[in-house]
Amino acid sequence: MTDHHTSLVEPRLEETTSKYRSRDNIIGSILEYTAAKGEITKTAVMYSSFLSFPQVNEYLDHLIGHGLLEVNKSKRLYKITPKGIKFLELSKELEKMLSVT
């Protein structure tokens, strides 16, 4: 279970330039893919994000817990929320601001 009082994107030891992706990059890729596809399965998230089953469960729980994704339990489909879309837009804007140096 995730702690909803921690920051959404927790710092990681690895840098985005290393062979490992940062948590915020993985979250961004999940949100982007979900936004592009509409409703997707857990398997689609797993394959599109190159995550293991336990990892995808952790990320989906985290994103649902923060209101960025919602799940239709009867259909087992995941969908980005308006808050998730706003988060994605702000993340892209921040990325642009940081890349202009």
C-alpha atoms as a PDB file:
ATOM      1  CA  MET A   1       0.000   0.000   0.000  1.00  0.00           C
ATOM      2  CA  THR A   2       1.297   3.446  -0.776  1.00  0.00           C
ATOM      3  CA  ASP A   3       1.592   6.321   1.648  1.00  0.00           C
ATOM      4  CA  HIS A   4      -0.550   9.113   0.240  1.00  0.00           C
ATOM      5  CA  HIS A   5       1.332  11.716   2.253  1.00  0.00           C
ATOM      6  CA  THR A   6       4.633  11.247   0.463  1.00  0.00           C
ATOM      7  CA  SER A   7       5.531  13.247  -2.596  1.00  0.00           C
ATOM      8  CA  LEU A   8       4.177  11.994  -5.893  1.00  0.00           C
ATOM      9  CA  VAL A   9       7.593  11.650  -7.456  1.00  0.00           C
ATOM     10  CA  GLU A  10      10.065  10.501  -4.837  1.00  0.00           C
ATOM     11  CA  PRO A  11      13.775  11.106  -5.418  1.00  0.00           C
ATOM     12  CA  ARG A  12      15.810   8.160  -6.646  1.00  0.00           C
ATOM     13  CA  LEU A  13      19.528   7.491  -6.463  1.00  0.00           C
ATOM     14  CA  GLU A  14      19.858   6.882 -10.169  1.00  0.00           C
ATOM     15  CA  GLU A  15      19.942   9.776 -12.585  1.00  0.00           C
ATOM     16  CA  THR A  16      17.860   9.883 -15.737  1.00  0.00           C
ATOM     17  CA  THR A  17      21.102   9.782 -17.728  1.00  0.00           C
ATOM     18  CA  SER A  18      22.013   6.399 -16.257  1.00  0.00           C
ATOM     19  CA  LYS A  19      20.767   3.073 -17.557  1.00  0.00           C
ATOM     20  CA  TYR A  20      17.898   3.200 -15.045  1.00  0.00           C
ATOM     21  CA  ARG A  21      14.800   5.297 -15.519  1.00  0.00           C
ATOM     22  CA  SER A  22      13.713   7.579 -12.731  1.00  0.00           C
ATOM     23  CA  ARG A  23      10.371   7.160 -11.027  1.00  0.00           C
ATOM     24  CA  ASP A  24       9.066  10.381 -12.568  1.00  0.00           C
ATOM     25  CA  ASN A  25      10.001   9.168 -16.080  1.00  0.00           C
ATOM     26  CA  ILE A  26       8.112   5.930 -15.521  1.00  0.00           C
ATOM     27  CA  ILE A  27       5.079   7.779 -14.146  1.00  0.00           C
ATOM     28  CA  GLY A  28       5.190  10.132 -17.127  1.00  0.00           C
ATOM     29  CA  SER A  29       5.341   7.271 -19.601  1.00  0.00           C
ATOM     30  CA  ILE A  30       2.387   5.505 -17.955  1.00  0.00           C
ATOM     31  CA  LEU A  31       0.303   8.685 -17.984  1.00  0.00           C
ATOM     32  CA  GLU A  32       1.247   9.542 -21.580  1.00  0.00           C
ATOM     33  CA  TYR A  33       0.401   6.063 -22.847  1.00  0.00           C
ATOM     34  CA  THR A  34      -2.880   5.998 -20.948  1.00  0.00           C
ATOM     35  CA  ALA A  35      -3.833   9.448 -22.243  1.00  0.00           C
ATOM     36  CA  ALA A  36      -3.056   8.404 -25.819  1.00  0.00           C
ATOM     37  CA  LYS A  37      -5.000   5.135 -25.679  1.00  0.00           C
ATOM     38  CA  GLY A  38      -8.008   6.154 -23.561  1.00  0.00           C
ATOM     39  CA  GLU A  39      -8.657   3.000 -21.563  1.00  0.00           C
ATOM     40  CA  ILE A  40      -5.985   0.332 -21.251  1.00  0.00           C
ATOM     41  CA  THR A  41      -5.359  -2.943 -19.484  1.00  0.00           C
ATOM     42  CA  LYS A  42      -2.762  -3.570 -16.818  1.00  0.00           C
ATOM     43  CA  THR A  43      -0.902  -5.786 -19.294  1.00  0.00           C
ATOM     44  CA  ALA A  44      -0.733  -2.927 -21.806  1.00  0.00           C
ATOM     45  CA  VAL A  45       0.715  -0.640 -19.116  1.00  0.00           C
ATOM     46  CA  MET A  46       3.232  -3.323 -18.171  1.00  0.00           C
ATOM     47  CA  TYR A  47       4.466  -3.865 -21.731  1.00  0.00           C
ATOM     48  CA  SER A  48       4.435  -0.205 -22.775  1.00  0.00           C
ATOM     49  CA  SER A  49       6.400   0.833 -19.678  1.00  0.00           C
ATOM     50  CA  PHE A  50       8.737  -2.202 -19.609  1.00  0.00           C
ATOM     51  CA  LEU A  51       7.785  -3.032 -16.024  1.00  0.00           C
ATOM     52  CA  SER A  52       7.428  -6.336 -14.218  1.00  0.00           C
ATOM     53  CA  PHE A  53       4.044  -7.365 -12.851  1.00  0.00           C
ATOM     54  CA  PRO A  54       4.907  -6.379  -9.237  1.00  0.00           C
ATOM     55  CA  GLN A  55       6.302  -3.031 -10.453  1.00  0.00           C
ATOM     56  CA  VAL A  56       3.247  -2.203 -12.556  1.00  0.00           C
ATOM     57  CA  ASN A  57       0.998  -2.995  -9.588  1.00  0.00           C
ATOM     58  CA  GLU A  58       3.015  -0.626  -7.400  1.00  0.00           C
ATOM     59  CA  TYR A  59       2.872   2.202  -9.952  1.00  0.00           C
ATOM     60  CA  LEU A  60      -0.826   1.751 -10.711  1.00  0.00           C
ATOM     61  CA  ASP A  61      -1.700   1.723  -6.997  1.00  0.00           C
ATOM     62  CA  HIS A  62       0.390   4.862  -6.538  1.00  0.00           C
ATOM     63  CA  LEU A  63      -1.232   6.696  -9.454  1.00  0.00           C
ATOM     64  CA  ILE A  64      -4.749   5.651  -8.446  1.00  0.00           C
ATOM     65  CA  GLY A  65      -4.048   6.652  -4.841  1.00  0.00           C
ATOM     66  CA  HIS A  66      -3.050  10.130  -5.982  1.00  0.00           C
ATOM     67  CA  GLY A  67      -6.069  10.480  -8.253  1.00  0.00           C
ATOM     68  CA  LEU A  68      -4.088  10.491 -11.513  1.00  0.00           C
ATOM     69  CA  LEU A  69      -5.598   7.260 -12.840  1.00  0.00           C
ATOM     70  CA  GLU A  70      -8.900   5.533 -12.238  1.00  0.00           C
ATOM     71  CA  VAL A  71      -9.826   1.901 -12.756  1.00  0.00           C
ATOM     72  CA  ASN A  72     -13.016   0.342 -14.038  1.00  0.00           C
ATOM     73  CA  LYS A  73     -12.855  -2.785 -11.894  1.00  0.00           C
ATOM     74  CA  SER A  74     -15.544  -4.694 -13.779  1.00  0.00           C
ATOM     75  CA  LYS A  75     -13.741  -4.185 -17.121  1.00  0.00           C
ATOM     76  CA  ARG A  76     -10.232  -4.116 -15.603  1.00  0.00           C
ATOM     77  CA  LEU A  77      -9.369  -0.989 -17.577  1.00  0.00           C
ATOM     78  CA  TYR A  78      -7.335   2.021 -16.497  1.00  0.00           C
ATOM     79  CA  LYS A  79      -8.057   5.586 -17.567  1.00  0.00           C
ATOM     80  CA  ILE A  80      -6.286   8.894 -16.926  1.00  0.00           C
ATOM     81  CA  THR A  81      -8.229  11.394 -14.812  1.00  0.00           C
ATOM     82  CA  PRO A  82      -8.473  15.159 -15.365  1.00  0.00           C
ATOM     83  CA  LYS A  83      -5.963  15.533 -12.514  1.00  0.00           C
ATOM     84  CA  GLY A  84      -3.644  13.099 -14.327  1.00  0.00           C
ATOM     85  CA  ILE A  85      -3.909  15.115 -17.533  1.00  0.00           C
ATOM     86  CA  LYS A  86      -3.104  18.314 -15.632  1.00  0.00           C
ATOM     87  CA  PHE A  87      -0.132  16.622 -13.947  1.00  0.00           C
ATOM     88  CA  LEU A  88       1.154  15.460 -17.338  1.00  0.00           C
ATOM     89  CA  GLU A  89       0.796  18.957 -18.825  1.00  0.00           C
ATOM     90  CA  LEU A  90       2.617  20.551 -15.880  1.00  0.00           C
ATOM     91  CA  SER A  91       5.372  17.930 -16.035  1.00  0.00           C
ATOM     92  CA  LYS A  92       5.964  18.661 -19.720  1.00  0.00           C
ATOM     93  CA  GLU A  93       5.998  22.394 -19.047  1.00  0.00           C
ATOM     94  CA  LEU A  94       8.496  21.958 -16.226  1.00  0.00           C
ATOM     95  CA  GLU A  95      10.674  19.755 -18.430  1.00  0.00           C
ATOM     96  CA  LYS A  96      10.728  22.479 -21.090  1.00  0.00           C
ATOM     97  CA  MET A  97      11.649  25.120 -18.525  1.00  0.00           C
ATOM     98  CA  LEU A  98      14.494  23.036 -17.149  1.00  0.00           C
ATOM     99  CA  SER A  99      15.892  22.165 -20.570  1.00  0.00           C
ATOM    100  CA  VAL A 100      16.244  25.858 -21.524  1.00  0.00           C
ATOM    101  CA  THR A 101      19.566  26.751 -19.909  1.00  0.00           C
END
